[in-house]
């Protein structure tokens, strides 16, 4: 009933629990007999409506049931839901549950609820002071609201009780501020990981080949659309779709990147303006191609179950799994790419060409092949970034345009061609942006970061980590 799945048949008034199947069909089950009814017609059933009052009573009843018979997590959640409604009946239930509860975490929650009842309703100052020791440092919102009420509204009560409540409230506020800072830091790292994924491929092509690839954002877009297509091909295996989409996106975007390099870029070496205009034109062509194939509308990519939800550290701080996994994934991509450039023959050739193209050619290195592979590698990584971004936002033809400018900012700030600089630059700009947003707003925060980078490159034109030796020539 709370989930909105309870219906009744118009002709027989029979109550059914209706489930929407993968292909849009409706399937119902009789909660009394357990009988299943397939292919229900929407016109023959009607949803049983519930109002807010009934929802409140249902949640309260479920909490009472779970407190006695539920799992550990259900019992803990039941106690937590009672913190907002410490009625005499609920207090009796909690006291009974305390006698039989074996789990330490649930027992602590019960003690917390009973201590809140003492602070809120007891006339004995000694009991209230003792109960406040239990409340001190707790981060549950009802605890903070209760203590704030004691401090603000209990003017005629015991001064010692008010002072103790104020001290406990101060401790809670300090903890909330600390975890608020940690949360902003995580959001900054999360944004930084997205910027890193978007920029790391550009750092390779821009740093090694000196090509300003304005179609880099469209490589990200192609990776995101590849994820969408993979999920269309395996609708019943969404949990495994990303593992298929990652190599598929790398191959698709990488192949398009090699094609662009072989057909356009190789004819424009040493002509940066022409390269910029050509890749900008390619970006428009790719956007229009996607609009023609998939329509201009945004597409929703499903999130696998293992990336859904959040990791709750405490009542005021939780980490969403999708952003946590993307952060770890970005670091994994960075270290794998570093390994490729440092330990493989391709990486050796790439570094040789980036330092001195003519000398590398004299040493027998096929610079044209290196250029194609470098452009393909950078584009493939951009496609992998698109897989990650599909879990954070809708997939649309303009997805890449949202990140191309930020990608260039990260590369220029960190140092052209330096992957470590890209890592530091991405996380620095992401953290700075998130800490500025509460003060200036999201739009002005971007402006402030952009102005900072402009001023920074006036002093250090080669970025945080400039290349040294022959690579800097």
Foldseek 3Di string as FASTA:
>chain_A
DVVQQWKAFPPPRQIWRWDQDPVRFIKTARPVPRDIDGRDDPVGMDTDDDDPVVVVVVLLVQLLVCCVDNDPVSVQVSLLVCLVPVDVVVLVSLVVSLVVDDDPNSNLSSLLSVLLCCLQDPQDLVSVLVSLVSLQQAQRVSSLVSLVCCLPPVVVHDPVSNVSSVVSNVRNVVVLVVQVLVQLLLQLLLQLLLLLLLQLLVLLLCLQQVELQPLLLVLLLQLLVLLVVQCVVPVPPLQCSLVVSLVVSLVVQLVVLLVCCVPPVVVQRPPRVSRHVVNVVVLVVSLVVCCVPVNQDWAARDDHPQQADWADPHNNHIGRSLSVVSSVVSVVVLVVVVCCLPPHPLNVLSVVSLLPVVVSVVVPRPVSVSSSNSSSNSSSSSSSSSSSVSVVDTRGSCRSVVNSVSSVLQCQQQFRNDSVRSSVSSSVLSSQQSVCCVPPNNVVSVVVSVVVSVVVCVVVVGHDDYDDDSSND
